[in-house]
Amino acid sequence: MILARLRRLLSSEQDSGIKQSEVDARLACAALLLEVSRSDGSQSPEEKAAIWHLLEEGFSLSERELRLLFDQALEVSEEASDLFAFTSVAKKNLSQAQKIALIQGLWRVAYADGDLDPQEEGVIRKVADLLYVSHGDYIQAKLAAQPAQ
């Protein structure tokens, strides 16, 4: 199961001062960001850079920890058959404000390459629904993430 694999991947790298639920939530968020970037069949350098920036900004990790998180998220994302393993962890461990911030981050990744693909939008809508983010918050997150014209 993906959740067991998530825990096993991170157990050797986990700092003793960080709760397992926080580590799980970080990996779930990183995997969801990657899912959006891969949903249109390609992952641009701009999308990868946006993901890296969001992880760096959101989790205050060292360069080594960021690389490990990114690599592990890529691995579990490639093996996942659906979004549920990631959204169930996020739903359980994130506050409502953090869930909305995650949705905004997903939009930032989708906009990063300058081309919002319908498949990217579909993944974000599905994640928002699974996290019980209201339609109003979903739209506000989208508007906040849109690049300045």
C-alpha atoms as a PDB file:
ATOM      1  CA  MET A   1       0.000   0.000   0.000  1.00  0.00           C
ATOM      2  CA  ILE A   2       1.171   3.502  -0.816  1.00  0.00           C
ATOM      3  CA  LEU A   3       0.722   4.867   2.741  1.00  0.00           C
ATOM      4  CA  ALA A   4       2.899   2.121   4.230  1.00  0.00           C
ATOM      5  CA  ARG A   5       5.512   2.831   1.569  1.00  0.00           C
ATOM      6  CA  LEU A   6       5.375   6.550   2.369  1.00  0.00           C
ATOM      7  CA  ARG A   7       6.109   5.843   6.001  1.00  0.00           C
ATOM      8  CA  ARG A   8       8.861   3.364   5.237  1.00  0.00           C
ATOM      9  CA  LEU A   9      10.573   5.736   2.813  1.00  0.00           C
ATOM     10  CA  LEU A  10      10.702   8.514   5.358  1.00  0.00           C
ATOM     11  CA  SER A  11      11.304   6.602   8.574  1.00  0.00           C
ATOM     12  CA  SER A  12      15.093   6.543   8.186  1.00  0.00           C
ATOM     13  CA  GLU A  13      15.290  10.264   7.369  1.00  0.00           C
ATOM     14  CA  GLN A  14      12.824  11.578   9.914  1.00  0.00           C
ATOM     15  CA  ASP A  15      14.116  13.972  12.563  1.00  0.00           C
ATOM     16  CA  SER A  16      13.172  12.858  16.059  1.00  0.00           C
ATOM     17  CA  GLY A  17      11.553  16.252  16.702  1.00  0.00           C
ATOM     18  CA  ILE A  18       9.072  15.962  13.838  1.00  0.00           C
ATOM     19  CA  LYS A  19       5.857  13.963  14.119  1.00  0.00           C
ATOM     20  CA  GLN A  20       5.270  11.199  11.585  1.00  0.00           C
ATOM     21  CA  SER A  21       1.994  12.852  10.581  1.00  0.00           C
ATOM     22  CA  GLU A  22       3.881  16.022   9.587  1.00  0.00           C
ATOM     23  CA  VAL A  23       6.352  14.009   7.518  1.00  0.00           C
ATOM     24  CA  ASP A  24       3.477  12.128   5.870  1.00  0.00           C
ATOM     25  CA  ALA A  25       1.678  15.408   5.108  1.00  0.00           C
ATOM     26  CA  ARG A  26       4.796  16.882   3.512  1.00  0.00           C
ATOM     27  CA  LEU A  27       5.218  13.884   1.254  1.00  0.00           C
ATOM     28  CA  ALA A  28       1.514  13.844   0.363  1.00  0.00           C
ATOM     29  CA  CYS A  29       1.593  17.557  -0.548  1.00  0.00           C
ATOM     30  CA  ALA A  30       4.747  17.111  -2.635  1.00  0.00           C
ATOM     31  CA  ALA A  31       3.215  14.137  -4.434  1.00  0.00           C
ATOM     32  CA  LEU A  32       0.033  16.094  -5.202  1.00  0.00           C
ATOM     33  CA  LEU A  33       2.086  18.956  -6.649  1.00  0.00           C
ATOM     34  CA  LEU A  34       3.863  16.426  -8.864  1.00  0.00           C
ATOM     35  CA  GLU A  35       0.567  14.829  -9.882  1.00  0.00           C
ATOM     36  CA  VAL A  36      -0.633  18.165 -11.259  1.00  0.00           C
ATOM     37  CA  SER A  37       2.600  18.759 -13.146  1.00  0.00           C
ATOM     38  CA  ARG A  38       2.482  15.303 -14.735  1.00  0.00           C
ATOM     39  CA  SER A  39      -1.245  15.256 -15.482  1.00  0.00           C
ATOM     40  CA  ASP A  40      -0.916  16.814 -18.933  1.00  0.00           C
ATOM     41  CA  GLY A  41       1.615  14.230 -20.082  1.00  0.00           C
ATOM     42  CA  SER A  42       4.679  16.404 -19.681  1.00  0.00           C
ATOM     43  CA  GLN A  43       6.530  18.052 -16.852  1.00  0.00           C
ATOM     44  CA  SER A  44       8.175  21.321 -17.793  1.00  0.00           C
ATOM     45  CA  PRO A  45      11.278  22.751 -16.117  1.00  0.00           C
ATOM     46  CA  GLU A  46       9.093  25.670 -15.001  1.00  0.00           C
ATOM     47  CA  GLU A  47       6.687  23.309 -13.247  1.00  0.00           C
ATOM     48  CA  LYS A  48       9.563  21.502 -11.510  1.00  0.00           C
ATOM     49  CA  ALA A  49      10.981  24.858 -10.407  1.00  0.00           C
ATOM     50  CA  ALA A  50       7.563  25.925  -9.105  1.00  0.00           C
ATOM     51  CA  ILE A  51       7.241  22.700  -7.104  1.00  0.00           C
ATOM     52  CA  TRP A  52      10.733  23.121  -5.677  1.00  0.00           C
ATOM     53  CA  HIS A  53       9.968  26.722  -4.700  1.00  0.00           C
ATOM     54  CA  LEU A  54       6.651  25.773  -3.074  1.00  0.00           C
ATOM     55  CA  LEU A  55       8.278  22.977  -1.062  1.00  0.00           C
ATOM     56  CA  GLU A  56      11.143  25.231  -0.039  1.00  0.00           C
ATOM     57  CA  GLU A  57       8.782  28.046   0.949  1.00  0.00           C
ATOM     58  CA  GLY A  58       6.250  25.821   2.683  1.00  0.00           C
ATOM     59  CA  PHE A  59       8.420  23.451   4.669  1.00  0.00           C
ATOM     60  CA  SER A  60      11.670  25.297   5.528  1.00  0.00           C
ATOM     61  CA  LEU A  61      13.876  22.309   4.728  1.00  0.00           C
ATOM     62  CA  SER A  62      17.559  22.110   3.930  1.00  0.00           C
ATOM     63  CA  GLU A  63      18.665  21.563   0.346  1.00  0.00           C
ATOM     64  CA  ARG A  64      19.328  17.882   1.114  1.00  0.00           C
ATOM     65  CA  GLU A  65      15.929  17.419   2.774  1.00  0.00           C
ATOM     66  CA  LEU A  66      14.192  19.137  -0.154  1.00  0.00           C
ATOM     67  CA  ARG A  67      15.957  16.875  -2.653  1.00  0.00           C
ATOM     68  CA  LEU A  68      15.010  13.793  -0.628  1.00  0.00           C
ATOM     69  CA  LEU A  69      11.388  14.911  -0.322  1.00  0.00           C
ATOM     70  CA  PHE A  70      11.177  15.713  -4.037  1.00  0.00           C
ATOM     71  CA  ASP A  71      12.733  12.384  -5.057  1.00  0.00           C
ATOM     72  CA  GLN A  72      10.519  10.371  -2.719  1.00  0.00           C
ATOM     73  CA  ALA A  73       7.408  12.218  -3.845  1.00  0.00           C
ATOM     74  CA  LEU A  74       8.326  11.543  -7.458  1.00  0.00           C
ATOM     75  CA  GLU A  75       8.743   7.847  -6.698  1.00  0.00           C
ATOM     76  CA  VAL A  76       5.426   7.428  -4.876  1.00  0.00           C
ATOM     77  CA  SER A  77       3.605   9.623  -7.384  1.00  0.00           C
ATOM     78  CA  GLU A  78       4.777   7.443 -10.272  1.00  0.00           C
ATOM     79  CA  GLU A  79       3.556   4.316  -8.462  1.00  0.00           C
ATOM     80  CA  ALA A  80       0.174   5.694  -7.385  1.00  0.00           C
ATOM     81  CA  SER A  81      -2.927   4.598  -9.206  1.00  0.00           C
ATOM     82  CA  ASP A  82      -5.092   7.407  -7.825  1.00  0.00           C
ATOM     83  CA  LEU A  83      -5.011  10.522  -5.644  1.00  0.00           C
ATOM     84  CA  PHE A  84      -6.723   9.019  -2.608  1.00  0.00           C
ATOM     85  CA  ALA A  85      -3.570   7.881  -0.788  1.00  0.00           C
ATOM     86  CA  PHE A  86      -2.245  11.432  -0.881  1.00  0.00           C
ATOM     87  CA  THR A  87      -5.483  13.314  -0.258  1.00  0.00           C
ATOM     88  CA  SER A  88      -6.442  11.094   2.683  1.00  0.00           C
ATOM     89  CA  VAL A  89      -3.158  11.966   4.418  1.00  0.00           C
ATOM     90  CA  ALA A  90      -3.562  15.660   3.607  1.00  0.00           C
ATOM     91  CA  LYS A  91      -7.194  15.714   4.712  1.00  0.00           C
ATOM     92  CA  LYS A  92      -6.292  14.125   8.028  1.00  0.00           C
ATOM     93  CA  ASN A  93      -3.224  16.249   8.816  1.00  0.00           C
ATOM     94  CA  LEU A  94      -3.788  19.706   7.326  1.00  0.00           C
ATOM     95  CA  SER A  95      -5.912  22.527   8.679  1.00  0.00           C
ATOM     96  CA  GLN A  96      -8.533  24.043   6.375  1.00  0.00           C
ATOM     97  CA  ALA A  97      -6.253  27.024   5.730  1.00  0.00           C
ATOM     98  CA  GLN A  98      -3.395  24.659   4.809  1.00  0.00           C
ATOM     99  CA  LYS A  99      -5.679  22.738   2.453  1.00  0.00           C
ATOM    100  CA  ILE A 100      -6.612  25.982   0.693  1.00  0.00           C
ATOM    101  CA  ALA A 101      -2.920  26.949   0.510  1.00  0.00           C
ATOM    102  CA  LEU A 102      -2.205  23.539  -1.043  1.00  0.00           C
ATOM    103  CA  ILE A 103      -4.891  24.137  -3.682  1.00  0.00           C
ATOM    104  CA  GLN A 104      -3.334  27.519  -4.439  1.00  0.00           C
ATOM    105  CA  GLY A 105       0.048  25.792  -4.782  1.00  0.00           C
ATOM    106  CA  LEU A 106      -1.449  23.277  -7.196  1.00  0.00           C
ATOM    107  CA  TRP A 107      -2.735  26.172  -9.296  1.00  0.00           C
ATOM    108  CA  ARG A 108       0.711  27.788  -9.244  1.00  0.00           C
ATOM    109  CA  VAL A 109       2.223  24.601 -10.628  1.00  0.00           C
ATOM    110  CA  ALA A 110      -0.468  24.398 -13.311  1.00  0.00           C
ATOM    111  CA  TYR A 111       0.187  27.999 -14.366  1.00  0.00           C
ATOM    112  CA  ALA A 112       3.990  27.732 -14.172  1.00  0.00           C
ATOM    113  CA  ASP A 113       4.544  26.736 -17.803  1.00  0.00           C
ATOM    114  CA  GLY A 114       2.167  29.382 -19.135  1.00  0.00           C
ATOM    115  CA  ASP A 115      -0.359  26.805 -20.347  1.00  0.00           C
ATOM    116  CA  LEU A 116      -3.268  25.725 -18.136  1.00  0.00           C
ATOM    117  CA  ASP A 117      -4.209  22.283 -19.420  1.00  0.00           C
ATOM    118  CA  PRO A 118      -7.750  20.944 -18.814  1.00  0.00           C
ATOM    119  CA  GLN A 119      -6.249  17.800 -17.268  1.00  0.00           C
ATOM    120  CA  GLU A 120      -4.336  19.890 -14.739  1.00  0.00           C
ATOM    121  CA  GLU A 121      -7.515  21.745 -13.870  1.00  0.00           C
ATOM    122  CA  GLY A 122      -9.338  18.421 -13.492  1.00  0.00           C
ATOM    123  CA  VAL A 123      -6.761  17.074 -11.051  1.00  0.00           C
ATOM    124  CA  ILE A 124      -6.929  20.242  -8.967  1.00  0.00           C
ATOM    125  CA  ARG A 125     -10.743  20.095  -8.895  1.00  0.00           C
ATOM    126  CA  LYS A 126     -10.609  16.452  -7.800  1.00  0.00           C
ATOM    127  CA  VAL A 127      -8.071  17.207  -5.052  1.00  0.00           C
ATOM    128  CA  ALA A 128     -10.160  20.147  -3.827  1.00  0.00           C
ATOM    129  CA  ASP A 129     -13.249  17.924  -3.689  1.00  0.00           C
ATOM    130  CA  LEU A 130     -11.412  15.149  -1.838  1.00  0.00           C
ATOM    131  CA  LEU A 131     -10.080  17.690   0.687  1.00  0.00           C
ATOM    132  CA  TYR A 132     -13.545  19.247   1.141  1.00  0.00           C
ATOM    133  CA  VAL A 133     -12.368  22.644  -0.055  1.00  0.00           C
ATOM    134  CA  SER A 134     -15.411  24.716  -0.964  1.00  0.00           C
ATOM    135  CA  HIS A 135     -15.963  25.874  -4.517  1.00  0.00           C
ATOM    136  CA  GLY A 136     -15.552  29.481  -3.386  1.00  0.00           C
ATOM    137  CA  ASP A 137     -12.167  28.744  -1.810  1.00  0.00           C
ATOM    138  CA  TYR A 138     -11.181  26.747  -4.899  1.00  0.00           C
ATOM    139  CA  ILE A 139     -11.948  29.746  -7.137  1.00  0.00           C
ATOM    140  CA  GLN A 140     -10.214  32.202  -4.811  1.00  0.00           C
ATOM    141  CA  ALA A 141      -7.107  29.991  -4.769  1.00  0.00           C
ATOM    142  CA  LYS A 142      -7.174  29.881  -8.572  1.00  0.00           C
ATOM    143  CA  LEU A 143      -7.471  33.651  -8.855  1.00  0.00           C
ATOM    144  CA  ALA A 144      -4.701  34.226  -6.304  1.00  0.00           C
ATOM    145  CA  ALA A 145      -2.353  31.896  -8.209  1.00  0.00           C
ATOM    146  CA  GLN A 146      -2.946  33.369 -11.665  1.00  0.00           C
ATOM    147  CA  PRO A 147       0.101  35.134 -13.036  1.00  0.00           C
ATOM    148  CA  ALA A 148      -0.144  38.892 -13.384  1.00  0.00           C
ATOM    149  CA  GLN A 149      -1.186  39.930 -16.870  1.00  0.00           C
END
